[in-house]
Amino acid sequence: MNIYINNKQTETKARNLAELATELGLPERGVAMAMSAKMIQRTQWNATTLSDGDSVIIIKAACGG
């Protein structure tokens, strides 16, 4: 299916946010995801299903100032 990650169309086989995180090789910490302008808690990633055309925003924490 095709979804949008940070406004870029991406093909994925992931069925939920947890599978997407694994597919993208995201780290265990320092990453947040949002769908429909709502942050999704990591504990809900398995239960948050993806559909064709969904838009996901991925935010990675950065150190510094």
C-alpha atoms as a PDB file:
ATOM      1  CA  MET A   1       0.000   0.000   0.000  1.00  0.00           C
ATOM      2  CA  ASN A   2       1.033   3.609  -0.414  1.00  0.00           C
ATOM      3  CA  ILE A   3       1.069   6.003   2.527  1.00  0.00           C
ATOM      4  CA  TYR A   4       2.603   9.412   3.115  1.00  0.00           C
ATOM      5  CA  ILE A   5       5.442   9.731   5.611  1.00  0.00           C
ATOM      6  CA  ASN A   6       6.299  13.348   6.391  1.00  0.00           C
ATOM      7  CA  ASN A   7       4.431  14.330   3.193  1.00  0.00           C
ATOM      8  CA  LYS A   8       6.452  11.925   1.006  1.00  0.00           C
ATOM      9  CA  GLN A   9       4.645   9.054  -0.698  1.00  0.00           C
ATOM     10  CA  THR A  10       6.075   5.738   0.460  1.00  0.00           C
ATOM     11  CA  GLU A  11       5.209   2.139  -0.340  1.00  0.00           C
ATOM     12  CA  THR A  12       4.923  -0.138   2.692  1.00  0.00           C
ATOM     13  CA  LYS A  13       3.851  -3.625   3.688  1.00  0.00           C
ATOM     14  CA  ALA A  14       3.301  -2.541   7.302  1.00  0.00           C
ATOM     15  CA  ARG A  15      -0.205  -3.032   8.675  1.00  0.00           C
ATOM     16  CA  ASN A  16       0.218  -0.822  11.750  1.00  0.00           C
ATOM     17  CA  LEU A  17       2.537   1.814  13.195  1.00  0.00           C
ATOM     18  CA  ALA A  18       4.641  -0.747  15.086  1.00  0.00           C
ATOM     19  CA  GLU A  19       5.356  -2.672  11.885  1.00  0.00           C
ATOM     20  CA  LEU A  20       6.112   0.610  10.107  1.00  0.00           C
ATOM     21  CA  ALA A  21       8.641   1.560  12.796  1.00  0.00           C
ATOM     22  CA  THR A  22      10.345  -1.819  12.372  1.00  0.00           C
ATOM     23  CA  GLU A  23      10.275  -1.582   8.573  1.00  0.00           C
ATOM     24  CA  LEU A  24      11.874   1.872   8.699  1.00  0.00           C
ATOM     25  CA  GLY A  25      14.453   0.821  11.311  1.00  0.00           C
ATOM     26  CA  LEU A  26      13.366   3.505  13.758  1.00  0.00           C
ATOM     27  CA  PRO A  27      15.139   3.500  17.141  1.00  0.00           C
ATOM     28  CA  GLU A  28      13.404   2.285  20.305  1.00  0.00           C
ATOM     29  CA  ARG A  29      13.611   5.738  21.896  1.00  0.00           C
ATOM     30  CA  GLY A  30      13.444   9.325  20.765  1.00  0.00           C
ATOM     31  CA  VAL A  31      10.798   8.852  18.080  1.00  0.00           C
ATOM     32  CA  ALA A  32       7.169   9.958  17.992  1.00  0.00           C
ATOM     33  CA  MET A  33       4.484   9.331  15.383  1.00  0.00           C
ATOM     34  CA  ALA A  34       1.294  11.182  14.587  1.00  0.00           C
ATOM     35  CA  MET A  35      -1.689  10.466  12.366  1.00  0.00           C
ATOM     36  CA  SER A  36      -4.562  12.820  11.595  1.00  0.00           C
ATOM     37  CA  ALA A  37      -2.823  15.578  13.580  1.00  0.00           C
ATOM     38  CA  LYS A  38      -2.853  13.425  16.756  1.00  0.00           C
ATOM     39  CA  MET A  39       0.203  12.016  18.487  1.00  0.00           C
ATOM     40  CA  ILE A  40      -0.068   8.256  18.903  1.00  0.00           C
ATOM     41  CA  GLN A  41       1.432   6.824  22.083  1.00  0.00           C
ATOM     42  CA  ARG A  42       3.988   4.086  21.477  1.00  0.00           C
ATOM     43  CA  THR A  43       1.824   1.691  23.500  1.00  0.00           C
ATOM     44  CA  GLN A  44      -0.884   2.161  20.832  1.00  0.00           C
ATOM     45  CA  TRP A  45       1.320   1.616  17.769  1.00  0.00           C
ATOM     46  CA  ASN A  46       0.296  -2.063  17.453  1.00  0.00           C
ATOM     47  CA  ALA A  47      -3.392  -1.129  17.582  1.00  0.00           C
ATOM     48  CA  THR A  48      -3.107   1.777  15.117  1.00  0.00           C
ATOM     49  CA  THR A  49      -3.757   0.269  11.692  1.00  0.00           C
ATOM     50  CA  LEU A  50      -2.612   1.775   8.440  1.00  0.00           C
ATOM     51  CA  SER A  51      -4.730   2.165   5.301  1.00  0.00           C
ATOM     52  CA  ASP A  52      -3.814   3.127   1.778  1.00  0.00           C
ATOM     53  CA  GLY A  53      -3.370   6.899   1.554  1.00  0.00           C
ATOM     54  CA  ASP A  54      -2.829   7.485   5.296  1.00  0.00           C
ATOM     55  CA  SER A  55      -0.505  10.280   6.335  1.00  0.00           C
ATOM     56  CA  VAL A  56       2.033   9.643   9.099  1.00  0.00           C
ATOM     57  CA  ILE A  57       4.317  12.244  10.643  1.00  0.00           C
ATOM     58  CA  ILE A  58       7.509  10.924  12.225  1.00  0.00           C
ATOM     59  CA  ILE A  59       9.387  13.154  14.634  1.00  0.00           C
ATOM     60  CA  LYS A  60      12.886  12.279  15.827  1.00  0.00           C
ATOM     61  CA  ALA A  61      14.317  13.917  18.934  1.00  0.00           C
ATOM     62  CA  ALA A  62      17.591  15.771  18.492  1.00  0.00           C
ATOM     63  CA  CYS A  63      20.061  16.914  21.122  1.00  0.00           C
ATOM     64  CA  GLY A  64      21.713  20.258  21.040  1.00  0.00           C
ATOM     65  CA  GLY A  65      20.772  23.863  21.215  1.00  0.00           C
END
